[in-house]
Amino acid sequence: MSSTAPNAAGIDSAFSAIEETGIPGCVEIKTHVRGDARGRFVKTFHAEWFKAHGLRTDFVEQYYSVSSKGVLRGLHFQKPPAHHAKLVYCVEGAVLDAAVDLRPGSPAFGRHALREISAERANLLYIPEGLAHGFYVLSESATLIYAVTSVYDAACDAGIHWNSAGIAWPDRNPTVSQRDRQFASFEESAGIFRGM
C-alpha cells in the first residue's frame, strides 16, 4: 500500500510517497529529487512530516559506512533497553536492504522486507524498534547513512546470523565480517523483543 504524501497533515514536504513493506512500522519513503545543471538536491528528513506519519523523530546518532561490491553487513540491532528505530539511505551506489521482524507479538514476526536502496532512487527505509537490519552491496561501492534513536551501547549491540532468516540474498558467499559470522541464528534470538 502506498500513499502520496507531499501535503500530509497540511505539511508541504519533499517526500512524494510512503510505502508499506509488509512489516508493521517499516516503510519505504520516496523523495522528490530536485536536479539541474549543478547536480541533485534531496531532502532526507522533515520532523513534522515524520510525526504526521507516526514515525519517530528523536534521532540521536548518525553514522555512515562505505562498502565494496559483494559485502554483506548485518543483521544488526540493539537489544532493550537501548533498542532503536533506524532511518537508512544510500548516497552513493546501491544496496539490497533487509529488515527482519524480531517482535514475537507482531503479525509479521519472522518475516523480512527487502528493498533496493540507492543514490539514484533517492529512497529511504525507516525501520522501527524490534527489527534486525542488514544490507548487501550491489554496486562497485556503496555509502549508506544510518540515523538512530538511541546512543550506541556495546552491551546491547547484537545481531542474528545473516543466513538464518530466509532471505534470498544475491550471493551465497558474500564478504561478511568475522563478528557477523558468529551471530546466533534467528531461532536462537527470537525472544529478545518479547512484549513489543
C-alpha atoms as a PDB file:
ATOM      1  CA  MET A   1       0.000   0.000   0.000  1.00  0.00           C
ATOM      2  CA  SER A   2       1.336   3.393  -0.951  1.00  0.00           C
ATOM      3  CA  SER A   3       0.145   6.884  -0.254  1.00  0.00           C
ATOM      4  CA  THR A   4       1.218  10.164  -1.736  1.00  0.00           C
ATOM      5  CA  ALA A   5       2.490  12.490   0.908  1.00  0.00           C
ATOM      6  CA  PRO A   6       3.618  15.941  -0.209  1.00  0.00           C
ATOM      7  CA  ASN A   7       0.867  17.602   1.826  1.00  0.00           C
ATOM      8  CA  ALA A   8       0.326  15.064   4.644  1.00  0.00           C
ATOM      9  CA  ALA A   9      -1.406  16.734   7.583  1.00  0.00           C
ATOM     10  CA  GLY A  10      -1.114  20.048   5.718  1.00  0.00           C
ATOM     11  CA  ILE A  11       2.683  19.787   5.595  1.00  0.00           C
ATOM     12  CA  ASP A  12       4.387  20.772   2.364  1.00  0.00           C
ATOM     13  CA  SER A  13       7.407  18.492   2.060  1.00  0.00           C
ATOM     14  CA  ALA A  14       9.848  16.984  -0.376  1.00  0.00           C
ATOM     15  CA  PHE A  15       8.611  13.428   0.123  1.00  0.00           C
ATOM     16  CA  SER A  16       6.494  12.044  -2.702  1.00  0.00           C
ATOM     17  CA  ALA A  17       5.184   8.825  -1.112  1.00  0.00           C
ATOM     18  CA  ILE A  18       5.344   6.456   1.825  1.00  0.00           C
ATOM     19  CA  GLU A  19       5.022   2.757   1.038  1.00  0.00           C
ATOM     20  CA  GLU A  20       4.370  -0.103   3.436  1.00  0.00           C
ATOM     21  CA  THR A  21       6.780  -3.035   3.280  1.00  0.00           C
ATOM     22  CA  GLY A  22       4.605  -5.745   4.825  1.00  0.00           C
ATOM     23  CA  ILE A  23       6.341  -5.350   8.208  1.00  0.00           C
ATOM     24  CA  PRO A  24       4.304  -3.171  10.617  1.00  0.00           C
ATOM     25  CA  GLY A  25       6.036   0.167  11.130  1.00  0.00           C
ATOM     26  CA  CYS A  26       8.705  -0.470   8.487  1.00  0.00           C
ATOM     27  CA  VAL A  27       8.179   1.813   5.489  1.00  0.00           C
ATOM     28  CA  GLU A  28       9.943   2.962   2.365  1.00  0.00           C
ATOM     29  CA  ILE A  29       9.950   6.720   1.880  1.00  0.00           C
ATOM     30  CA  LYS A  30      10.206   8.071  -1.646  1.00  0.00           C
ATOM     31  CA  THR A  31      11.583  11.530  -2.264  1.00  0.00           C
ATOM     32  CA  HIS A  32      11.370  14.202  -4.904  1.00  0.00           C
ATOM     33  CA  VAL A  33      14.805  14.602  -6.487  1.00  0.00           C
ATOM     34  CA  ARG A  34      15.493  18.181  -7.485  1.00  0.00           C
ATOM     35  CA  GLY A  35      18.173  18.397 -10.146  1.00  0.00           C
ATOM     36  CA  ASP A  36      19.666  20.871 -12.552  1.00  0.00           C
ATOM     37  CA  ALA A  37      22.967  21.506 -14.306  1.00  0.00           C
ATOM     38  CA  ARG A  38      24.742  21.689 -10.926  1.00  0.00           C
ATOM     39  CA  GLY A  39      23.612  18.263  -9.722  1.00  0.00           C
ATOM     40  CA  ARG A  40      20.903  16.990  -7.364  1.00  0.00           C
ATOM     41  CA  PHE A  41      19.263  18.046  -4.109  1.00  0.00           C
ATOM     42  CA  VAL A  42      17.289  15.637  -1.877  1.00  0.00           C
ATOM     43  CA  LYS A  43      15.552  16.196   1.458  1.00  0.00           C
ATOM     44  CA  THR A  44      16.075  13.191   3.765  1.00  0.00           C
ATOM     45  CA  PHE A  45      14.292  14.319   6.931  1.00  0.00           C
ATOM     46  CA  HIS A  46      11.422  16.569   7.981  1.00  0.00           C
ATOM     47  CA  ALA A  47      10.315  16.229  11.608  1.00  0.00           C
ATOM     48  CA  GLU A  48       6.702  17.321  11.182  1.00  0.00           C
ATOM     49  CA  TRP A  49       6.178  15.058   8.163  1.00  0.00           C
ATOM     50  CA  PHE A  50       7.650  12.089  10.068  1.00  0.00           C
ATOM     51  CA  LYS A  51       5.395  12.817  13.058  1.00  0.00           C
ATOM     52  CA  ALA A  52       2.347  13.064  10.805  1.00  0.00           C
ATOM     53  CA  HIS A  53       3.085   9.527   9.605  1.00  0.00           C
ATOM     54  CA  GLY A  54       3.692   8.088  13.082  1.00  0.00           C
ATOM     55  CA  LEU A  55       7.462   7.847  12.645  1.00  0.00           C
ATOM     56  CA  ARG A  56       9.959   8.718  15.357  1.00  0.00           C
ATOM     57  CA  THR A  57      11.939  11.930  15.022  1.00  0.00           C
ATOM     58  CA  ASP A  58      14.245  11.714  18.050  1.00  0.00           C
ATOM     59  CA  PHE A  59      17.388  10.618  16.221  1.00  0.00           C
ATOM     60  CA  VAL A  60      20.412  10.985  18.490  1.00  0.00           C
ATOM     61  CA  GLU A  61      23.281   9.477  16.473  1.00  0.00           C
ATOM     62  CA  GLN A  62      24.158   9.204  12.806  1.00  0.00           C
ATOM     63  CA  TYR A  63      26.735   7.050  11.020  1.00  0.00           C
ATOM     64  CA  TYR A  64      27.825   6.140   7.538  1.00  0.00           C
ATOM     65  CA  SER A  65      29.520   3.073   6.105  1.00  0.00           C
ATOM     66  CA  VAL A  66      31.435   2.620   2.858  1.00  0.00           C
ATOM     67  CA  SER A  67      31.374  -0.920   1.483  1.00  0.00           C
ATOM     68  CA  SER A  68      32.553  -2.714  -1.655  1.00  0.00           C
ATOM     69  CA  LYS A  69      30.528  -4.871  -4.021  1.00  0.00           C
ATOM     70  CA  GLY A  70      29.632  -8.229  -2.519  1.00  0.00           C
ATOM     71  CA  VAL A  71      29.862  -7.059   1.097  1.00  0.00           C
ATOM     72  CA  LEU A  72      27.020  -8.041   3.406  1.00  0.00           C
ATOM     73  CA  ARG A  73      26.613  -6.189   6.709  1.00  0.00           C
ATOM     74  CA  GLY A  74      24.173  -7.459   9.307  1.00  0.00           C
ATOM     75  CA  LEU A  75      21.780  -8.448  10.507  1.00  0.00           C
ATOM     76  CA  HIS A  76      22.194  -5.903  13.325  1.00  0.00           C
ATOM     77  CA  PHE A  77      20.072  -4.463  16.142  1.00  0.00           C
ATOM     78  CA  GLN A  78      20.405  -3.164  19.696  1.00  0.00           C
ATOM     79  CA  LYS A  79      18.727  -5.107  22.493  1.00  0.00           C
ATOM     80  CA  PRO A  80      16.475  -3.409  25.060  1.00  0.00           C
ATOM     81  CA  PRO A  81      16.806  -1.068  26.815  1.00  0.00           C
ATOM     82  CA  ALA A  82      18.968   0.524  24.092  1.00  0.00           C
ATOM     83  CA  HIS A  83      16.812  -0.633  21.165  1.00  0.00           C
ATOM     84  CA  HIS A  84      16.171   1.933  18.484  1.00  0.00           C
ATOM     85  CA  ALA A  85      14.408   2.928  15.312  1.00  0.00           C
ATOM     86  CA  LYS A  86      16.660   3.479  12.317  1.00  0.00           C
ATOM     87  CA  LEU A  87      16.463   5.552   9.134  1.00  0.00           C
ATOM     88  CA  VAL A  88      18.772   4.413   6.304  1.00  0.00           C
ATOM     89  CA  TYR A  89      19.546   5.767   2.863  1.00  0.00           C
ATOM     90  CA  CYS A  90      22.250   5.443   0.243  1.00  0.00           C
ATOM     91  CA  VAL A  91      24.176   8.474  -1.017  1.00  0.00           C
ATOM     92  CA  GLU A  92      26.464   6.535  -3.359  1.00  0.00           C
ATOM     93  CA  GLY A  93      25.796   3.257  -5.126  1.00  0.00           C
ATOM     94  CA  ALA A  94      23.048   0.731  -4.419  1.00  0.00           C
ATOM     95  CA  VAL A  95      22.298  -1.921  -1.807  1.00  0.00           C
ATOM     96  CA  LEU A  96      19.707  -4.618  -1.232  1.00  0.00           C
ATOM     97  CA  ASP A  97      18.427  -3.648   2.206  1.00  0.00           C
ATOM     98  CA  ALA A  98      16.769  -6.111   4.578  1.00  0.00           C
ATOM     99  CA  ALA A  99      14.737  -5.739   7.769  1.00  0.00           C
ATOM    100  CA  VAL A 100      13.688  -8.797   9.816  1.00  0.00           C
ATOM    101  CA  ASP A 101      10.834  -8.613  12.341  1.00  0.00           C
ATOM    102  CA  LEU A 102      12.041  -9.976  15.717  1.00  0.00           C
ATOM    103  CA  ARG A 103       8.934  -8.950  17.695  1.00  0.00           C
ATOM    104  CA  PRO A 104       7.044 -12.092  18.834  1.00  0.00           C
ATOM    105  CA  GLY A 105       3.807 -10.096  19.161  1.00  0.00           C
ATOM    106  CA  SER A 106       3.966  -8.784  15.601  1.00  0.00           C
ATOM    107  CA  PRO A 107       1.764 -10.283  12.863  1.00  0.00           C
ATOM    108  CA  ALA A 108       4.916 -10.260  10.704  1.00  0.00           C
ATOM    109  CA  PHE A 109       7.157 -11.977  13.279  1.00  0.00           C
ATOM    110  CA  GLY A 110       9.944 -13.835  11.494  1.00  0.00           C
ATOM    111  CA  ARG A 111       9.240 -12.221   8.129  1.00  0.00           C
ATOM    112  CA  HIS A 112      11.553  -9.874   6.290  1.00  0.00           C
ATOM    113  CA  ALA A 113      11.230  -6.907   3.950  1.00  0.00           C
ATOM    114  CA  LEU A 114      13.653  -6.330   1.081  1.00  0.00           C
ATOM    115  CA  ARG A 115      14.116  -3.049  -0.739  1.00  0.00           C
ATOM    116  CA  GLU A 116      16.756  -1.798  -3.143  1.00  0.00           C
ATOM    117  CA  ILE A 117      18.028   1.465  -1.674  1.00  0.00           C
ATOM    118  CA  SER A 118      20.157   3.596  -3.969  1.00  0.00           C
ATOM    119  CA  ALA A 119      21.536   7.036  -4.600  1.00  0.00           C
ATOM    120  CA  GLU A 120      19.795   7.003  -7.978  1.00  0.00           C
ATOM    121  CA  ARG A 121      16.372   6.271  -6.478  1.00  0.00           C
ATOM    122  CA  ALA A 122      16.999   8.588  -3.504  1.00  0.00           C
ATOM    123  CA  ASN A 123      14.704   6.423  -1.361  1.00  0.00           C
ATOM    124  CA  LEU A 124      14.863   5.830   2.387  1.00  0.00           C
ATOM    125  CA  LEU A 125      13.915   2.926   4.643  1.00  0.00           C
ATOM    126  CA  TYR A 126      12.502   3.557   8.112  1.00  0.00           C
ATOM    127  CA  ILE A 127      12.996   0.572  10.450  1.00  0.00           C
ATOM    128  CA  PRO A 128      11.190   0.575  13.806  1.00  0.00           C
ATOM    129  CA  GLU A 129      12.424  -0.880  17.091  1.00  0.00           C
ATOM    130  CA  GLY A 130      12.488  -4.657  17.266  1.00  0.00           C
ATOM    131  CA  LEU A 131      13.781  -5.314  13.757  1.00  0.00           C
ATOM    132  CA  ALA A 132      17.196  -6.541  12.654  1.00  0.00           C
ATOM    133  CA  HIS A 133      18.776  -4.683   9.739  1.00  0.00           C
ATOM    134  CA  GLY A 134      21.336  -5.592   7.122  1.00  0.00           C
ATOM    135  CA  PHE A 135      22.277  -4.973   3.518  1.00  0.00           C
ATOM    136  CA  TYR A 136      24.167  -6.424   0.560  1.00  0.00           C
ATOM    137  CA  VAL A 137      26.149  -4.142  -1.774  1.00  0.00           C
ATOM    138  CA  LEU A 138      25.001  -4.346  -5.397  1.00  0.00           C
ATOM    139  CA  SER A 139      27.221  -1.613  -6.887  1.00  0.00           C
ATOM    140  CA  GLU A 140      31.014  -1.365  -7.063  1.00  0.00           C
ATOM    141  CA  SER A 141      30.879   0.697  -3.872  1.00  0.00           C
ATOM    142  CA  ALA A 142      28.084   1.998  -1.657  1.00  0.00           C
ATOM    143  CA  THR A 143      27.857   4.624   1.070  1.00  0.00           C
ATOM    144  CA  LEU A 144      24.948   4.096   3.456  1.00  0.00           C
ATOM    145  CA  ILE A 145      23.867   6.621   6.085  1.00  0.00           C
ATOM    146  CA  TYR A 146      22.083   5.499   9.260  1.00  0.00           C
ATOM    147  CA  ALA A 147      20.299   7.721  11.800  1.00  0.00           C
ATOM    148  CA  VAL A 148      19.257   6.009  15.053  1.00  0.00           C
ATOM    149  CA  THR A 149      17.111   6.921  18.067  1.00  0.00           C
ATOM    150  CA  SER A 150      19.436   5.583  20.788  1.00  0.00           C
ATOM    151  CA  VAL A 151      23.114   6.004  21.535  1.00  0.00           C
ATOM    152  CA  TYR A 152      25.382   3.078  20.705  1.00  0.00           C
ATOM    153  CA  ASP A 153      25.660   0.709  23.675  1.00  0.00           C
ATOM    154  CA  ALA A 154      28.261  -2.067  23.324  1.00  0.00           C
ATOM    155  CA  ALA A 155      26.465  -4.161  25.948  1.00  0.00           C
ATOM    156  CA  CYS A 156      23.259  -4.086  23.866  1.00  0.00           C
ATOM    157  CA  ASP A 157      24.836  -4.364  20.425  1.00  0.00           C
ATOM    158  CA  ALA A 158      23.660  -7.615  18.832  1.00  0.00           C
ATOM    159  CA  GLY A 159      22.568  -9.356  15.663  1.00  0.00           C
ATOM    160  CA  ILE A 160      21.298 -12.505  14.066  1.00  0.00           C
ATOM    161  CA  HIS A 161      23.193 -14.610  11.549  1.00  0.00           C
ATOM    162  CA  TRP A 162      22.821 -13.173   8.052  1.00  0.00           C
ATOM    163  CA  ASN A 163      21.744 -16.505   6.561  1.00  0.00           C
ATOM    164  CA  SER A 164      19.229 -17.611   9.215  1.00  0.00           C
ATOM    165  CA  ALA A 165      16.144 -15.548   8.353  1.00  0.00           C
ATOM    166  CA  GLY A 166      15.179 -16.992   4.969  1.00  0.00           C
ATOM    167  CA  ILE A 167      16.419 -14.008   2.950  1.00  0.00           C
ATOM    168  CA  ALA A 168      17.239 -14.760  -0.692  1.00  0.00           C
ATOM    169  CA  TRP A 169      20.488 -12.796  -0.806  1.00  0.00           C
ATOM    170  CA  PRO A 170      22.001 -12.374  -4.306  1.00  0.00           C
ATOM    171  CA  ASP A 171      25.235 -14.064  -3.181  1.00  0.00           C
ATOM    172  CA  ARG A 172      25.617 -17.334  -1.269  1.00  0.00           C
ATOM    173  CA  ASN A 173      29.168 -16.440  -0.260  1.00  0.00           C
ATOM    174  CA  PRO A 174      29.228 -12.687   0.486  1.00  0.00           C
ATOM    175  CA  THR A 175      32.033 -10.853   2.209  1.00  0.00           C
ATOM    176  CA  VAL A 176      30.970 -10.871   5.872  1.00  0.00           C
ATOM    177  CA  SER A 177      32.874  -9.754   8.973  1.00  0.00           C
ATOM    178  CA  GLN A 178      34.039 -12.353  11.480  1.00  0.00           C
ATOM    179  CA  ARG A 179      31.771 -10.743  14.068  1.00  0.00           C
ATOM    180  CA  ASP A 180      28.706 -11.046  11.831  1.00  0.00           C
ATOM    181  CA  ARG A 181      29.542 -14.687  11.034  1.00  0.00           C
ATOM    182  CA  GLN A 182      29.377 -15.500  14.754  1.00  0.00           C
ATOM    183  CA  PHE A 183      25.901 -14.138  15.457  1.00  0.00           C
ATOM    184  CA  ALA A 184      23.279 -16.573  16.734  1.00  0.00           C
ATOM    185  CA  SER A 185      20.506 -17.741  14.413  1.00  0.00           C
ATOM    186  CA  PHE A 186      17.069 -16.137  14.163  1.00  0.00           C
ATOM    187  CA  GLU A 187      15.595 -19.057  16.134  1.00  0.00           C
ATOM    188  CA  GLU A 188      18.064 -18.558  18.991  1.00  0.00           C
ATOM    189  CA  SER A 189      17.325 -14.818  19.158  1.00  0.00           C
ATOM    190  CA  ALA A 190      13.548 -14.911  18.777  1.00  0.00           C
ATOM    191  CA  GLY A 191      12.677 -13.922  22.354  1.00  0.00           C
ATOM    192  CA  ILE A 192      14.785 -10.767  22.656  1.00  0.00           C
ATOM    193  CA  PHE A 193      11.915  -8.385  21.861  1.00  0.00           C
ATOM    194  CA  ARG A 194       9.156 -10.258  23.669  1.00  0.00           C
ATOM    195  CA  GLY A 195       6.405  -7.851  24.750  1.00  0.00           C
ATOM    196  CA  MET A 196       6.898  -5.397  21.880  1.00  0.00           C
END
